[in-house]
N, C-alpha and C. Protein backbone atom coordinates (compact mmCIF):
# COMPACT_ATOMS: atom_id res chain seq x y z
N MET A 1 20.52 96.43 24.13
CA MET A 1 20.94 97.27 25.30
C MET A 1 21.63 96.17 25.90
N PRO A 2 21.05 94.87 26.73
CA PRO A 2 22.47 94.18 27.38
C PRO A 2 23.91 93.89 27.13
N ALA A 3 23.80 94.30 25.23
CA ALA A 3 24.74 94.10 24.48
C ALA A 3 25.67 95.30 25.46
N ALA A 4 24.83 96.14 25.35
CA ALA A 4 25.81 97.88 25.32
C ALA A 4 26.05 97.60 26.30
N ARG A 5 24.89 97.36 27.10
CA ARG A 5 26.09 97.56 29.01
C ARG A 5 26.88 96.88 29.16
N HIS A 6 27.21 95.65 28.81
CA HIS A 6 28.37 94.15 28.68
C HIS A 6 29.38 95.04 27.85
N ALA A 7 29.37 95.49 26.81
CA ALA A 7 30.74 96.35 26.07
C ALA A 7 30.81 97.67 27.09
N ALA A 8 29.95 98.49 27.84
CA ALA A 8 30.34 99.51 28.63
C ALA A 8 30.95 98.92 29.74
N GLY A 9 30.91 97.64 30.07
CA GLY A 9 31.90 97.27 31.11
C GLY A 9 30.69 96.78 32.70
N TYR A 10 29.72 96.35 31.92
CA TYR A 10 29.21 95.61 33.34
C TYR A 10 29.11 94.01 33.15
N PRO A 11 29.11 93.34 34.39
CA PRO A 11 29.38 92.19 34.35
C PRO A 11 28.68 91.72 33.43
N PRO A 12 28.54 89.90 32.95
CA PRO A 12 28.06 89.58 32.28
C PRO A 12 26.70 89.02 33.03
N THR A 13 27.17 89.07 34.29
CA THR A 13 25.69 87.88 35.22
C THR A 13 24.75 89.06 35.05
N LEU A 14 25.09 90.20 35.37
CA LEU A 14 24.48 91.66 35.60
C LEU A 14 23.45 91.83 34.75
N CYS A 15 24.30 91.73 33.20
CA CYS A 15 23.51 91.84 31.93
C CYS A 15 22.24 91.00 31.62
N ARG A 16 22.74 89.73 32.33
CA ARG A 16 21.30 88.37 32.04
C ARG A 16 20.58 89.11 33.27
N MET A 17 20.71 89.64 34.17
CA MET A 17 19.60 89.63 35.01
C MET A 17 19.01 90.78 34.33
N ILE A 18 19.46 91.68 33.89
CA ILE A 18 18.89 93.15 33.39
C ILE A 18 17.72 92.41 32.12
N ALA A 19 18.37 91.72 31.54
CA ALA A 19 17.38 91.21 30.28
C ALA A 19 16.40 90.93 30.75
N MET A 20 16.35 89.45 31.83
CA MET A 20 15.14 89.03 32.45
C MET A 20 14.18 89.80 33.01
N SER A 21 14.77 91.06 33.67
CA SER A 21 13.97 91.73 34.01
C SER A 21 13.38 92.19 33.33
N GLN A 22 13.50 92.33 31.90
CA GLN A 22 12.51 93.60 30.49
C GLN A 22 12.01 92.25 29.85
N GLU A 23 12.27 90.88 30.19
CA GLU A 23 11.46 90.48 29.27
C GLU A 23 9.60 90.68 29.89
N VAL A 24 8.55 90.81 28.23
CA VAL A 24 7.67 90.83 28.59
C VAL A 24 6.51 89.25 29.13
N HIS A 25 6.05 88.94 29.63
CA HIS A 25 5.50 88.27 30.34
C HIS A 25 3.93 88.91 29.61
N LEU A 26 2.70 87.59 28.80
CA LEU A 26 1.65 87.94 28.21
C LEU A 26 0.86 86.77 29.68
N GLN A 27 -0.43 88.12 30.02
CA GLN A 27 -0.97 87.29 31.16
C GLN A 27 -1.84 86.50 30.55
N VAL A 28 -2.28 85.61 31.67
CA VAL A 28 -3.27 84.22 30.73
C VAL A 28 -4.45 83.98 31.83
N THR A 29 -5.32 84.11 30.98
CA THR A 29 -6.54 84.26 31.82
C THR A 29 -7.07 83.15 32.31
N PRO A 30 -7.92 82.88 33.60
CA PRO A 30 -8.14 81.47 34.01
C PRO A 30 -9.30 80.94 32.56
N GLU A 31 -9.59 81.43 31.69
CA GLU A 31 -10.60 80.82 30.66
C GLU A 31 -9.89 79.88 29.90
N GLU A 32 -8.50 80.94 29.38
CA GLU A 32 -7.54 80.28 28.88
C GLU A 32 -7.08 78.84 29.15
N ILE A 33 -6.65 79.01 30.44
CA ILE A 33 -6.30 77.93 31.13
C ILE A 33 -7.20 76.93 31.00
N ALA A 34 -8.31 77.08 31.48
CA ALA A 34 -9.83 75.86 31.28
C ALA A 34 -9.65 75.16 30.24
N HIS A 35 -9.52 75.78 28.77
CA HIS A 35 -9.88 75.88 27.51
C HIS A 35 -8.59 74.79 27.01
N SER A 36 -7.29 75.07 28.07
CA SER A 36 -6.40 74.22 27.42
C SER A 36 -6.46 72.45 28.07
N PHE A 37 -6.94 72.02 29.02
CA PHE A 37 -7.78 71.14 29.52
C PHE A 37 -8.70 70.53 28.39
N ASP A 38 -9.38 71.21 27.89
CA ASP A 38 -10.60 70.73 26.83
C ASP A 38 -10.02 69.75 25.78
N GLU A 39 -8.47 69.76 24.87
CA GLU A 39 -8.14 69.15 24.03
C GLU A 39 -8.47 68.26 24.89
N ALA A 40 -8.40 67.38 23.75
CA ALA A 40 -8.76 65.70 23.30
C ALA A 40 -7.47 64.80 23.55
N PRO A 41 -7.50 63.78 24.70
CA PRO A 41 -6.33 62.99 24.73
C PRO A 41 -6.01 62.21 23.61
N PRO A 42 -4.36 62.03 23.18
CA PRO A 42 -4.57 60.95 22.22
C PRO A 42 -4.75 59.58 22.49
N ALA A 43 -5.28 58.87 21.33
CA ALA A 43 -6.26 57.36 22.12
C ALA A 43 -4.86 56.45 21.87
N ALA A 44 -5.42 56.23 23.17
CA ALA A 44 -4.29 54.60 23.79
C ALA A 44 -4.57 53.29 22.54
N ASP A 45 -2.90 53.22 21.86
CA ASP A 45 -3.18 52.31 21.20
C ASP A 45 -2.53 51.00 22.33
N ILE A 46 -3.64 49.65 22.18
CA ILE A 46 -3.46 48.55 22.76
C ILE A 46 -3.59 47.51 21.45
N SER A 47 -2.88 47.91 20.71
CA SER A 47 -2.70 47.18 18.97
C SER A 47 -1.90 45.95 19.59
N SER A 48 -0.56 46.33 20.42
CA SER A 48 0.55 45.49 20.16
C SER A 48 0.31 44.56 21.27
N TYR A 49 -0.55 44.67 22.00
CA TYR A 49 -0.62 43.50 23.78
C TYR A 49 -1.51 42.39 23.23
N ALA A 50 -0.92 41.54 23.35
CA ALA A 50 -1.28 40.18 22.84
C ALA A 50 -2.39 39.50 24.35
N PHE A 51 -3.19 38.31 23.90
CA PHE A 51 -3.66 37.38 25.01
C PHE A 51 -2.95 37.20 26.50
N GLU A 52 -2.18 37.13 26.06
CA GLU A 52 -1.11 36.59 27.64
C GLU A 52 -1.18 37.93 28.24
N ASP A 53 -0.83 39.12 27.82
CA ASP A 53 -0.74 40.31 28.25
C ASP A 53 -1.85 40.72 29.57
N TRP A 54 -2.84 40.37 28.61
CA TRP A 54 -4.14 40.29 29.64
C TRP A 54 -4.17 39.74 30.86
N VAL A 55 -3.92 37.87 30.32
CA VAL A 55 -4.30 37.16 31.67
C VAL A 55 -3.12 38.10 32.72
N THR A 56 -1.91 38.43 31.99
CA THR A 56 -1.31 38.28 33.47
C THR A 56 -1.50 39.37 34.24
N LEU A 57 -2.04 40.76 33.54
CA LEU A 57 -2.36 41.39 34.51
C LEU A 57 -3.45 41.37 34.95
N ALA A 58 -4.35 40.35 35.02
CA ALA A 58 -5.47 39.86 35.95
C ALA A 58 -5.04 39.30 36.79
N ILE A 59 -4.13 38.68 36.81
CA ILE A 59 -3.48 37.62 37.38
C ILE A 59 -2.44 38.41 38.85
N PHE A 60 -2.10 39.45 38.10
CA PHE A 60 -1.11 40.30 38.59
C PHE A 60 -2.16 40.77 39.80
N TRP A 61 -3.12 41.92 39.36
CA TRP A 61 -4.17 42.21 40.65
C TRP A 61 -4.58 41.77 41.40
N ILE A 62 -5.23 40.07 40.83
CA ILE A 62 -5.58 39.33 41.76
C ILE A 62 -4.52 39.07 43.45
N MET A 63 -3.06 38.79 42.64
CA MET A 63 -2.03 38.96 43.54
C MET A 63 -1.69 39.83 44.65
N THR A 64 -2.08 41.36 43.76
CA THR A 64 -1.75 42.43 44.63
C THR A 64 -2.89 42.94 45.77
N GLY A 65 -4.64 41.97 45.40
CA GLY A 65 -5.48 42.05 45.64
C GLY A 65 -5.02 41.42 47.28
N CYS A 66 -4.50 40.28 47.28
CA CYS A 66 -4.74 39.13 48.16
C CYS A 66 -3.38 39.31 49.43
N VAL A 67 -2.20 40.10 48.17
CA VAL A 67 -1.34 40.80 49.31
C VAL A 67 -1.18 42.01 50.20
N PHE A 68 -2.56 42.99 49.39
CA PHE A 68 -3.21 43.81 50.41
C PHE A 68 -4.03 43.06 51.32
N LEU A 69 -4.57 42.29 51.35
CA LEU A 69 -5.57 41.56 52.10
C LEU A 69 -5.19 41.31 53.20
N GLN A 70 -3.65 40.60 52.86
CA GLN A 70 -2.75 39.74 53.77
C GLN A 70 -2.16 41.14 55.04
N PHE A 71 -2.14 42.01 54.34
CA PHE A 71 -1.10 43.51 55.17
C PHE A 71 -2.28 44.05 56.23
N PHE A 72 -3.39 43.92 55.60
CA PHE A 72 -4.32 44.87 56.39
C PHE A 72 -5.35 43.25 57.54
N THR A 73 -5.80 42.21 57.28
CA THR A 73 -5.97 41.86 58.12
C THR A 73 -4.41 41.46 59.44
N ARG A 74 -3.69 41.30 58.85
CA ARG A 74 -2.46 40.90 60.26
C ARG A 74 -2.19 42.39 60.79
N TYR A 75 -1.99 43.58 60.24
CA TYR A 75 -1.31 44.50 60.99
C TYR A 75 -2.39 45.70 61.21
N VAL A 76 -3.63 45.59 60.98
CA VAL A 76 -4.81 46.27 60.76
C VAL A 76 -5.95 45.51 62.02
N LEU A 77 -6.20 44.28 61.55
CA LEU A 77 -7.14 43.47 61.91
C LEU A 77 -6.42 42.69 63.07
N ASN A 78 -5.12 42.41 63.07
CA ASN A 78 -4.38 41.24 63.82
C ASN A 78 -5.05 39.37 63.44
N ASP A 79 -5.60 39.51 62.62
CA ASP A 79 -5.86 38.24 62.46
C ASP A 79 -5.58 38.44 60.80
N SER A 80 -4.80 37.28 60.90
CA SER A 80 -4.02 37.76 59.51
C SER A 80 -4.80 36.09 58.62
N TYR A 81 -5.13 36.29 57.21
CA TYR A 81 -6.17 35.33 56.62
C TYR A 81 -4.80 34.11 56.37
N ALA A 82 -4.32 32.79 56.36
CA ALA A 82 -3.71 32.24 56.10
C ALA A 82 -4.07 31.96 54.55
N TRP A 83 -5.00 31.87 53.83
CA TRP A 83 -4.95 31.85 52.70
C TRP A 83 -4.51 32.52 51.64
N THR A 84 -4.29 33.82 51.82
CA THR A 84 -3.74 34.75 50.90
C THR A 84 -2.27 34.77 50.97
N GLU A 85 -1.41 34.24 51.73
CA GLU A 85 -0.01 34.42 51.44
C GLU A 85 -0.23 32.54 50.09
N GLU A 86 -0.67 31.74 50.27
CA GLU A 86 -0.45 30.86 49.30
C GLU A 86 -1.24 31.45 48.10
N ILE A 87 -2.49 31.72 48.20
CA ILE A 87 -2.59 32.28 46.84
C ILE A 87 -1.76 33.56 45.92
N ALA A 88 -1.36 34.47 46.66
CA ALA A 88 -0.66 35.23 46.15
C ALA A 88 0.97 34.73 45.41
N THR A 89 1.13 33.42 46.06
CA THR A 89 3.11 32.96 45.83
C THR A 89 1.96 32.34 44.82
N ASN A 90 1.10 31.82 44.65
CA ASN A 90 0.69 30.83 43.44
C ASN A 90 0.45 31.85 41.92
N CYS A 91 -0.18 33.01 42.67
CA CYS A 91 -1.02 34.38 41.34
C CYS A 91 1.08 34.31 41.08
N LEU A 92 2.23 34.54 41.75
CA LEU A 92 3.38 35.37 41.37
C LEU A 92 3.83 34.28 40.73
N ILE A 93 3.57 32.97 40.85
CA ILE A 93 4.27 31.94 39.75
C ILE A 93 3.48 31.89 38.16
N GLY A 94 2.37 32.16 38.45
CA GLY A 94 1.40 32.34 37.24
C GLY A 94 2.28 33.75 36.49
N VAL A 95 2.45 34.74 37.24
CA VAL A 95 2.77 36.00 36.92
C VAL A 95 4.16 36.00 35.78
N VAL A 96 4.69 35.07 36.71
CA VAL A 96 6.27 35.11 36.86
C VAL A 96 6.21 33.71 35.11
N PHE A 97 5.45 33.06 34.64
CA PHE A 97 5.75 32.20 33.78
C PHE A 97 4.83 32.74 32.17
N LEU A 98 3.93 33.34 32.75
CA LEU A 98 2.77 33.96 31.48
C LEU A 98 3.37 35.33 30.95
N GLY A 99 4.39 36.05 32.29
CA GLY A 99 5.25 37.31 31.71
C GLY A 99 6.42 37.15 30.94
N SER A 100 6.99 36.03 31.12
CA SER A 100 7.82 35.09 30.33
C SER A 100 7.27 35.40 28.78
N VAL A 101 6.03 34.65 28.82
CA VAL A 101 5.64 34.49 27.07
C VAL A 101 6.02 36.00 26.62
N MET A 102 5.23 36.99 27.07
CA MET A 102 5.20 38.85 26.96
C MET A 102 7.35 39.03 26.29
N CYS A 103 8.01 38.76 27.37
CA CYS A 103 9.24 38.39 27.23
C CYS A 103 9.71 38.06 25.53
N VAL A 104 9.06 37.34 25.44
CA VAL A 104 9.54 35.82 24.24
C VAL A 104 9.05 37.12 22.71
N ARG A 105 7.64 37.16 22.64
CA ARG A 105 7.33 38.19 21.73
C ARG A 105 7.76 39.32 21.41
N VAL A 106 8.64 40.02 22.03
CA VAL A 106 8.66 41.50 22.26
C VAL A 106 10.42 40.95 21.84
N SER A 107 11.07 39.82 22.00
CA SER A 107 12.47 39.66 22.30
C SER A 107 13.20 40.30 23.42
N ARG A 108 12.64 40.50 24.53
CA ARG A 108 13.29 41.03 25.99
C ARG A 108 13.59 40.33 26.77
N HIS A 109 14.05 38.95 26.51
CA HIS A 109 14.92 38.43 27.40
C HIS A 109 16.00 38.72 27.52
N ILE A 110 16.75 38.61 28.71
CA ILE A 110 18.29 38.39 28.83
C ILE A 110 19.33 38.13 27.57
N GLN A 111 19.83 38.99 26.94
CA GLN A 111 20.73 38.60 26.41
C GLN A 111 22.25 39.58 25.71
N VAL A 112 22.84 38.61 25.25
CA VAL A 112 24.44 39.22 25.53
C VAL A 112 24.84 39.36 24.12
N ASP A 113 24.81 40.60 22.93
CA ASP A 113 24.67 40.93 22.08
C ASP A 113 26.00 41.39 21.38
N VAL A 114 27.23 41.81 22.10
CA VAL A 114 27.90 42.87 22.21
C VAL A 114 28.77 41.74 21.08
N LEU A 115 29.17 40.60 20.94
CA LEU A 115 30.02 39.62 19.95
C LEU A 115 29.41 39.64 18.89
N TYR A 116 27.65 40.00 18.53
CA TYR A 116 27.41 40.23 17.34
C TYR A 116 28.28 41.26 16.21
N HIS A 117 28.52 42.64 16.76
CA HIS A 117 28.81 43.78 16.30
C HIS A 117 30.30 43.83 16.12
N TYR A 118 31.26 42.32 16.44
CA TYR A 118 32.50 42.13 16.37
C TYR A 118 32.82 40.79 15.20
N LEU A 119 31.26 40.16 14.76
CA LEU A 119 31.53 39.54 14.02
C LEU A 119 30.55 40.01 12.37
N PRO A 120 31.35 38.92 11.25
CA PRO A 120 30.78 39.31 9.61
C PRO A 120 29.35 38.84 9.87
N GLY A 121 28.80 39.49 8.58
CA GLY A 121 27.40 39.40 8.81
C GLY A 121 27.04 38.04 8.64
N PRO A 122 27.62 37.56 7.79
CA PRO A 122 26.84 35.84 7.12
C PRO A 122 27.41 35.03 8.69
N VAL A 123 28.35 35.57 9.33
CA VAL A 123 28.52 34.66 10.90
C VAL A 123 27.50 35.15 11.67
N ALA A 124 27.24 36.27 11.87
CA ALA A 124 26.11 36.92 12.84
C ALA A 124 25.33 36.19 12.83
N ARG A 125 24.31 35.83 11.28
CA ARG A 125 23.37 35.40 10.90
C ARG A 125 23.01 34.19 11.54
N ALA A 126 24.33 32.97 10.88
CA ALA A 126 24.23 32.13 11.40
C ALA A 126 24.28 31.53 12.89
N MET A 127 24.66 32.64 13.78
CA MET A 127 24.58 32.09 15.31
C MET A 127 23.45 32.88 15.36
N ALA A 128 22.80 34.10 15.01
CA ALA A 128 21.65 33.96 15.54
C ALA A 128 20.82 32.83 14.87
N ILE A 129 20.55 32.36 14.28
CA ILE A 129 19.38 30.91 14.03
C ILE A 129 19.59 30.04 14.74
N PHE A 130 21.06 29.99 15.42
CA PHE A 130 21.30 28.74 16.08
C PHE A 130 20.78 29.05 17.34
N VAL A 131 20.95 30.69 17.74
CA VAL A 131 20.30 30.94 19.37
C VAL A 131 18.83 30.46 18.81
N ASP A 132 18.11 30.84 17.98
CA ASP A 132 16.38 30.86 17.91
C ASP A 132 15.92 29.28 17.78
N LEU A 133 17.18 28.63 17.62
CA LEU A 133 16.52 27.37 17.25
C LEU A 133 16.83 26.68 18.67
N VAL A 134 18.27 26.75 19.37
CA VAL A 134 17.96 26.58 20.89
C VAL A 134 17.01 27.03 21.67
N ARG A 135 16.58 27.87 21.52
CA ARG A 135 15.23 28.71 22.10
C ARG A 135 14.45 27.35 22.27
N ILE A 136 14.00 27.37 20.79
CA ILE A 136 12.81 26.85 20.47
C ILE A 136 13.06 25.26 21.58
N GLY A 137 14.24 24.57 21.26
CA GLY A 137 14.14 23.14 22.01
C GLY A 137 14.49 23.31 23.15
N PHE A 138 14.76 24.47 23.62
CA PHE A 138 14.93 24.91 25.63
C PHE A 138 13.15 24.59 25.64
N PHE A 139 11.71 25.35 25.07
CA PHE A 139 11.46 25.70 25.38
C PHE A 139 10.09 24.26 25.39
N ALA A 140 9.92 23.54 24.01
CA ALA A 140 9.48 22.30 23.86
C ALA A 140 10.37 21.24 25.11
N TYR A 141 11.35 21.37 25.60
CA TYR A 141 11.59 20.26 26.22
C TYR A 141 11.25 20.90 27.51
N GLY A 142 11.32 22.53 28.16
CA GLY A 142 10.24 22.16 29.09
C GLY A 142 9.19 22.16 29.45
N CYS A 143 8.39 21.85 27.74
CA CYS A 143 6.72 21.67 28.13
C CYS A 143 6.74 20.40 28.17
N TRP A 144 7.75 18.75 28.01
CA TRP A 144 7.76 17.68 28.16
C TRP A 144 8.31 17.84 29.28
N LEU A 145 8.96 18.04 30.46
CA LEU A 145 9.62 18.17 31.58
C LEU A 145 8.12 18.59 32.43
N MET A 146 7.17 19.89 32.06
CA MET A 146 6.03 19.92 32.79
C MET A 146 4.89 19.11 32.72
N TRP A 147 4.59 18.45 31.44
CA TRP A 147 3.64 17.39 31.47
C TRP A 147 4.25 16.13 32.21
N ARG A 148 5.23 15.90 32.34
CA ARG A 148 5.42 14.42 33.27
C ARG A 148 5.60 15.13 34.48
N TYR A 149 5.76 16.13 35.05
CA TYR A 149 5.28 16.42 36.04
C TYR A 149 4.26 16.97 36.87
N VAL A 150 3.12 17.15 36.00
CA VAL A 150 2.10 17.22 36.48
C VAL A 150 1.38 16.07 36.58
N SER A 151 1.88 15.04 35.58
CA SER A 151 0.97 14.15 36.38
C SER A 151 1.28 13.24 37.38
N ILE A 152 3.15 13.69 37.56
CA ILE A 152 3.31 12.76 39.06
C ILE A 152 2.39 13.73 40.11
N VAL A 153 1.81 14.84 40.26
CA VAL A 153 1.67 15.58 41.20
C VAL A 153 0.29 16.02 41.13
N ALA A 154 -0.33 15.54 40.05
CA ALA A 154 -1.73 15.88 39.62
C ALA A 154 -2.87 15.46 40.67
N HIS A 155 -2.64 14.95 42.00
CA HIS A 155 -3.66 14.73 43.25
C HIS A 155 -3.31 15.60 44.16
N GLU A 156 -2.51 16.24 44.07
CA GLU A 156 -2.04 17.32 45.50
C GLU A 156 -2.98 18.44 45.83
N ARG A 157 -3.51 18.61 46.82
CA ARG A 157 -3.90 20.20 47.19
C ARG A 157 -3.15 21.02 47.34
N MET A 158 -4.00 22.31 47.40
CA MET A 158 -3.26 23.53 48.58
C MET A 158 -3.24 23.25 50.02
N VAL A 159 -2.45 23.75 50.42
CA VAL A 159 -3.05 23.44 51.97
C VAL A 159 -3.40 24.03 52.87
N THR A 160 -3.96 25.64 52.26
CA THR A 160 -4.91 26.61 52.95
C THR A 160 -5.97 26.70 52.32
N VAL A 161 -6.35 26.48 51.25
CA VAL A 161 -7.45 26.27 50.27
C VAL A 161 -7.80 25.18 49.55
N ASP A 162 -9.02 24.76 49.62
CA ASP A 162 -9.05 23.16 48.90
C ASP A 162 -9.50 23.50 48.13
N LEU A 163 -8.55 23.33 47.12
CA LEU A 163 -7.92 23.57 45.69
C LEU A 163 -6.82 22.39 45.06
N PRO A 164 -7.34 22.22 43.76
CA PRO A 164 -6.01 20.82 43.93
C PRO A 164 -4.44 22.01 42.61
N ARG A 165 -3.50 21.63 43.66
CA ARG A 165 -2.21 22.80 43.13
C ARG A 165 -2.03 22.80 41.52
N ASN A 166 -2.30 21.23 40.57
CA ASN A 166 -2.38 21.33 39.57
C ASN A 166 -2.99 22.46 38.36
N ILE A 167 -3.85 23.01 39.27
CA ILE A 167 -4.33 24.83 38.49
C ILE A 167 -2.71 25.22 38.18
N VAL A 168 -1.73 26.14 39.33
CA VAL A 168 -0.75 26.30 39.54
C VAL A 168 0.48 25.43 37.95
N PHE A 169 0.57 24.47 38.21
CA PHE A 169 1.49 23.16 37.80
C PHE A 169 0.88 23.27 36.07
N TYR A 170 -0.32 23.94 35.60
CA TYR A 170 -1.44 23.47 34.29
C TYR A 170 -0.94 24.92 34.07
N SER A 171 -0.26 26.14 34.97
CA SER A 171 -0.41 27.40 34.25
C SER A 171 1.45 27.31 33.60
N VAL A 172 2.21 26.90 34.69
CA VAL A 172 2.95 26.83 34.08
C VAL A 172 3.65 25.83 32.69
N MET A 173 2.85 25.17 32.79
CA MET A 173 2.82 24.48 31.24
C MET A 173 2.24 25.20 30.49
N ALA A 174 0.98 25.93 30.42
CA ALA A 174 0.59 26.52 29.45
C ALA A 174 1.51 27.86 29.14
N GLY A 175 2.12 27.96 30.09
CA GLY A 175 3.27 29.26 29.99
C GLY A 175 4.49 28.82 28.88
N PHE A 176 5.13 27.45 29.20
CA PHE A 176 5.79 26.90 28.12
C PHE A 176 5.70 26.82 26.78
N VAL A 177 4.16 26.52 26.89
CA VAL A 177 3.74 25.95 25.73
C VAL A 177 3.76 27.43 25.23
N MET A 178 3.26 28.55 25.88
CA MET A 178 3.34 29.36 24.64
C MET A 178 4.63 30.20 24.57
N MET A 179 5.33 30.20 25.17
CA MET A 179 6.05 30.85 24.80
C MET A 179 7.32 29.36 23.82
N LEU A 180 6.90 28.48 23.27
CA LEU A 180 7.47 27.77 22.29
C LEU A 180 6.66 28.28 21.25
N VAL A 181 5.36 28.53 21.25
CA VAL A 181 4.66 29.09 20.30
C VAL A 181 4.84 30.21 20.06
N ARG A 182 5.18 31.27 20.66
CA ARG A 182 5.95 32.41 20.35
C ARG A 182 7.57 32.42 19.65
N SER A 183 8.13 31.44 20.34
CA SER A 183 9.58 31.78 19.84
C SER A 183 9.76 31.58 18.21
N ILE A 184 8.44 30.30 17.89
CA ILE A 184 8.67 29.76 16.66
C ILE A 184 8.12 31.06 15.53
N GLN A 185 7.22 31.73 16.34
CA GLN A 185 6.81 32.64 15.66
C GLN A 185 8.02 33.99 15.52
N VAL A 186 8.42 34.26 16.39
CA VAL A 186 10.31 35.39 16.59
C VAL A 186 10.77 34.49 15.15
N PHE A 187 11.08 33.12 15.64
CA PHE A 187 12.04 32.83 14.48
C PHE A 187 11.60 33.20 13.26
N VAL A 188 10.06 32.64 12.83
CA VAL A 188 9.83 33.04 11.51
C VAL A 188 10.16 34.43 11.12
N ALA A 189 9.34 35.71 11.97
CA ALA A 189 9.56 37.05 11.80
C ALA A 189 11.07 37.41 11.40
N ASN A 190 12.09 36.18 12.29
CA ASN A 190 13.45 36.64 11.89
C ASN A 190 13.89 36.51 10.46
N GLN A 191 13.60 35.03 9.70
CA GLN A 191 14.18 34.62 8.94
C GLN A 191 13.64 35.53 7.67
N ARG A 192 12.36 36.40 8.20
CA ARG A 192 11.83 37.23 6.49
C ARG A 192 12.00 38.31 6.78
N ARG A 193 12.73 39.22 7.83
CA ARG A 193 13.28 40.43 7.94
C ARG A 193 15.17 40.42 7.46
N GLY A 194 15.20 38.64 8.04
CA GLY A 194 16.84 38.73 8.05
C GLY A 194 17.82 39.17 9.08
N TYR A 195 17.23 39.67 10.02
CA TYR A 195 17.87 39.51 11.24
C TYR A 195 17.60 39.28 12.39
N SER A 196 17.59 39.29 13.76
CA SER A 196 17.26 39.47 14.46
C SER A 196 17.71 40.60 15.61
N VAL A 197 17.11 40.11 16.62
CA VAL A 197 17.41 41.51 17.98
C VAL A 197 19.16 41.36 18.35
N LEU A 198 19.32 40.75 18.35
CA LEU A 198 20.96 40.27 18.65
C LEU A 198 21.72 41.04 17.25
N GLU A 199 21.51 40.90 16.15
CA GLU A 199 22.04 41.43 15.41
C GLU A 199 21.94 43.14 15.31
N LYS A 200 20.97 43.88 15.21
CA LYS A 200 20.37 45.40 15.07
C LYS A 200 19.48 45.55 16.77
N PRO A 201 19.52 45.21 17.44
CA PRO A 201 18.90 45.56 18.24
C PRO A 201 18.05 47.14 18.45
N GLU A 202 19.16 47.69 17.50
CA GLU A 202 18.40 49.05 17.50
C GLU A 202 17.12 49.26 16.77
N GLU A 203 17.19 48.67 15.61
CA GLU A 203 15.47 48.61 14.65
C GLU A 203 14.79 47.92 15.97
N PHE A 204 14.75 47.06 16.32
CA PHE A 204 13.83 47.00 17.61
C PHE A 204 13.75 48.07 18.54
N GLN A 205 14.19 48.97 18.92
CA GLN A 205 14.05 49.81 19.80
C GLN A 205 13.77 51.25 18.88
N LYS A 206 13.64 51.16 17.51
CA LYS A 206 12.75 52.51 16.46
C LYS A 206 12.09 51.80 16.83
N VAL A 207 10.98 50.73 16.43
CA VAL A 207 10.16 50.10 16.19
C VAL A 207 9.36 50.47 17.77
N GLU A 208 9.61 50.20 18.81
CA GLU A 208 9.08 50.57 20.19
C GLU A 208 8.48 52.04 19.97
N GLY A 209 9.61 52.70 19.61
CA GLY A 209 9.48 54.06 19.95
C GLY A 209 8.66 55.01 18.74
């Protein structure tokens, strides 16, 4: 019918409006709408998360609670708790370095891979292996530096809370140690599959999807 009207000289916009007005809409009862929510949601898959993910999540929520408490006491009670700022800052340090372990494990640190698309396969593979080895060496050196630093400032105390500051420093060192372990695991996995995220980033996106 719309085609006949269009052939008869009706404007196309008017023909579409007439066709939409002639559409048949089935009425849905409230019971059918209610039953649509009875379907079981898909099961959450948490198998891809590791130990450091949950520790980082816990520290993040502690930091969030401290920030909220600081905001509430400062702007609502007009009597700010000074210790909340220091605890939140220390928690942020833990979130950064333990969160970096997550990025190493899933190869999500910032990286430039445009050069690998223009190099021959063997050359790109050799460069990717070199990058993996340099990363392992960097994290090993970071572990050694943190061990020396912790030994120097081991007796320092926090300013507003009577707690040793080496809690924070040891968490940073733990982050470097775990990044070292994860980087070795990533290197072994790259060797087994024959490529890394630098060479074939699309393959890692397929795994995530």
